[in-house]
């Protein structure tokens, strides 16, 4: 390892750290409020954060790998992400 980190990788790492920090902060608020309704509301807000982070980090990763992977694989990855998001939001 040469000690140099790619900008795309660094940005993905920072986004994941921010996402994890948001999750931990939300859990602490749930503990502090000690109320099921407030916990449910906080959890609902987290449901917005997760998919956004997934889409952004995947997009950054694909931009960094665009010259290394085929267009077919890129389309398949985005189709997979869309299917995950659709299945999570379906009833």
C-alpha atoms as a PDB file:
ATOM      1  CA  UNK A   1       0.000   0.000   0.000  1.00  0.00           C
ATOM      2  CA  UNK A   2       1.454   3.322  -1.017  1.00  0.00           C
ATOM      3  CA  UNK A   3      -0.369   5.486   1.510  1.00  0.00           C
ATOM      4  CA  UNK A   4      -2.250   7.521  -1.108  1.00  0.00           C
ATOM      5  CA  UNK A   5      -6.029   7.278  -0.981  1.00  0.00           C
ATOM      6  CA  UNK A   6      -8.228   8.035  -3.964  1.00  0.00           C
ATOM      7  CA  UNK A   7     -10.597  10.985  -3.636  1.00  0.00           C
ATOM      8  CA  UNK A   8     -13.639   8.879  -4.506  1.00  0.00           C
ATOM      9  CA  UNK A   9     -12.748   6.306  -1.858  1.00  0.00           C
ATOM     10  CA  UNK A  10     -12.133   9.023   0.737  1.00  0.00           C
ATOM     11  CA  UNK A  11     -15.508  10.611  -0.017  1.00  0.00           C
ATOM     12  CA  UNK A  12     -17.280   7.248   0.286  1.00  0.00           C
ATOM     13  CA  UNK A  13     -15.553   6.603   3.619  1.00  0.00           C
ATOM     14  CA  UNK A  14     -16.528  10.037   4.923  1.00  0.00           C
ATOM     15  CA  UNK A  15     -20.148   9.573   3.838  1.00  0.00           C
ATOM     16  CA  UNK A  16     -20.314   6.172   5.554  1.00  0.00           C
ATOM     17  CA  UNK A  17     -18.804   7.639   8.732  1.00  0.00           C
ATOM     18  CA  UNK A  18     -21.355  10.454   8.631  1.00  0.00           C
ATOM     19  CA  UNK A  19     -24.161   7.947   8.047  1.00  0.00           C
ATOM     20  CA  UNK A  20     -23.008   5.825  10.989  1.00  0.00           C
ATOM     21  CA  UNK A  21     -22.753   8.911  13.184  1.00  0.00           C
ATOM     22  CA  UNK A  22     -26.301   9.887  12.250  1.00  0.00           C
ATOM     23  CA  UNK A  23     -27.508   6.379  13.157  1.00  0.00           C
ATOM     24  CA  UNK A  24     -25.754   6.452  16.530  1.00  0.00           C
ATOM     25  CA  UNK A  25     -27.009   9.966  17.258  1.00  0.00           C
ATOM     26  CA  UNK A  26     -30.560   8.883  16.410  1.00  0.00           C
ATOM     27  CA  UNK A  27     -30.261   5.917  18.773  1.00  0.00           C
ATOM     28  CA  UNK A  28     -29.068   8.222  21.540  1.00  0.00           C
ATOM     29  CA  UNK A  29     -32.040  10.542  20.950  1.00  0.00           C
ATOM     30  CA  UNK A  30     -34.379   7.553  21.137  1.00  0.00           C
ATOM     31  CA  UNK A  31     -32.800   6.585  24.433  1.00  0.00           C
ATOM     32  CA  UNK A  32     -32.975  10.150  25.742  1.00  0.00           C
ATOM     33  CA  UNK A  33     -36.632  10.702  24.813  1.00  0.00           C
ATOM     34  CA  UNK A  34     -37.699   7.239  26.045  1.00  0.00           C
ATOM     35  CA  UNK A  35     -40.912   7.511  24.024  1.00  0.00           C
ATOM     36  CA  UNK A  36     -42.086   4.987  21.438  1.00  0.00           C
ATOM     37  CA  UNK A  37     -43.793   7.593  19.241  1.00  0.00           C
ATOM     38  CA  UNK A  38     -40.707   9.792  19.104  1.00  0.00           C
ATOM     39  CA  UNK A  39     -38.517   6.762  18.464  1.00  0.00           C
ATOM     40  CA  UNK A  40     -40.815   5.752  15.612  1.00  0.00           C
ATOM     41  CA  UNK A  41     -40.583   9.252  14.138  1.00  0.00           C
ATOM     42  CA  UNK A  42     -36.775   9.289  14.417  1.00  0.00           C
ATOM     43  CA  UNK A  43     -36.598   5.843  12.838  1.00  0.00           C
ATOM     44  CA  UNK A  44     -38.785   7.053   9.980  1.00  0.00           C
ATOM     45  CA  UNK A  45     -36.390   9.904   9.347  1.00  0.00           C
ATOM     46  CA  UNK A  46     -33.513   7.421   9.235  1.00  0.00           C
ATOM     47  CA  UNK A  47     -35.345   5.537   6.503  1.00  0.00           C
ATOM     48  CA  UNK A  48     -34.689   8.558   4.287  1.00  0.00           C
ATOM     49  CA  UNK A  49     -30.985   8.776   5.086  1.00  0.00           C
ATOM     50  CA  UNK A  50     -30.022   5.169   4.308  1.00  0.00           C
ATOM     51  CA  UNK A  51     -31.159   4.996   0.675  1.00  0.00           C
ATOM     52  CA  UNK A  52     -29.720   8.431  -0.069  1.00  0.00           C
ATOM     53  CA  UNK A  53     -26.306   7.390   1.243  1.00  0.00           C
ATOM     54  CA  UNK A  54     -26.546   4.118  -0.708  1.00  0.00           C
ATOM     55  CA  UNK A  55     -27.286   5.902  -3.975  1.00  0.00           C
ATOM     56  CA  UNK A  56     -24.647   8.598  -3.515  1.00  0.00           C
ATOM     57  CA  UNK A  57     -21.853   6.227  -2.442  1.00  0.00           C
ATOM     58  CA  UNK A  58     -22.660   3.803  -5.262  1.00  0.00           C
ATOM     59  CA  UNK A  59     -22.666   6.655  -7.768  1.00  0.00           C
ATOM     60  CA  UNK A  60     -19.308   7.902  -6.526  1.00  0.00           C
ATOM     61  CA  UNK A  61     -17.870   4.408  -6.657  1.00  0.00           C
ATOM     62  CA  UNK A  62     -19.132   3.862 -10.188  1.00  0.00           C
ATOM     63  CA  UNK A  63     -17.737   7.178 -11.341  1.00  0.00           C
ATOM     64  CA  UNK A  64     -14.369   6.146  -9.948  1.00  0.00           C
ATOM     65  CA  UNK A  65     -14.593   2.760 -11.657  1.00  0.00           C
ATOM     66  CA  UNK A  66     -16.227   3.896 -14.912  1.00  0.00           C
ATOM     67  CA  UNK A  67     -13.123   3.227 -16.980  1.00  0.00           C
ATOM     68  CA  UNK A  68     -12.571  -0.191 -15.362  1.00  0.00           C
ATOM     69  CA  UNK A  69     -16.016  -1.822 -15.683  1.00  0.00           C
ATOM     70  CA  UNK A  70     -18.362  -2.296 -18.615  1.00  0.00           C
ATOM     71  CA  UNK A  71     -21.543  -0.322 -19.207  1.00  0.00           C
ATOM     72  CA  UNK A  72     -23.547  -3.542 -18.831  1.00  0.00           C
ATOM     73  CA  UNK A  73     -22.250  -4.010 -15.289  1.00  0.00           C
ATOM     74  CA  UNK A  74     -23.019  -0.387 -14.427  1.00  0.00           C
ATOM     75  CA  UNK A  75     -26.597  -0.791 -15.676  1.00  0.00           C
ATOM     76  CA  UNK A  76     -26.954  -4.045 -13.712  1.00  0.00           C
ATOM     77  CA  UNK A  77     -25.678  -2.378 -10.531  1.00  0.00           C
ATOM     78  CA  UNK A  78     -28.127   0.499 -10.807  1.00  0.00           C
ATOM     79  CA  UNK A  79     -30.951  -1.917 -11.644  1.00  0.00           C
ATOM     80  CA  UNK A  80     -30.079  -3.885  -8.518  1.00  0.00           C
ATOM     81  CA  UNK A  81     -30.134  -0.739  -6.390  1.00  0.00           C
ATOM     82  CA  UNK A  82     -33.498   0.253  -7.840  1.00  0.00           C
ATOM     83  CA  UNK A  83     -34.863  -3.220  -7.085  1.00  0.00           C
ATOM     84  CA  UNK A  84     -33.609  -2.991  -3.489  1.00  0.00           C
ATOM     85  CA  UNK A  85     -35.247   0.398  -3.030  1.00  0.00           C
ATOM     86  CA  UNK A  86     -38.466  -0.813  -4.663  1.00  0.00           C
ATOM     87  CA  UNK A  87     -38.626  -3.911  -2.461  1.00  0.00           C
ATOM     88  CA  UNK A  88     -38.030  -1.917   0.709  1.00  0.00           C
ATOM     89  CA  UNK A  89     -40.786   0.543  -0.151  1.00  0.00           C
ATOM     90  CA  UNK A  90     -43.329  -1.981  -1.427  1.00  0.00           C
ATOM     91  CA  UNK A  91     -46.096  -3.251   0.812  1.00  0.00           C
END
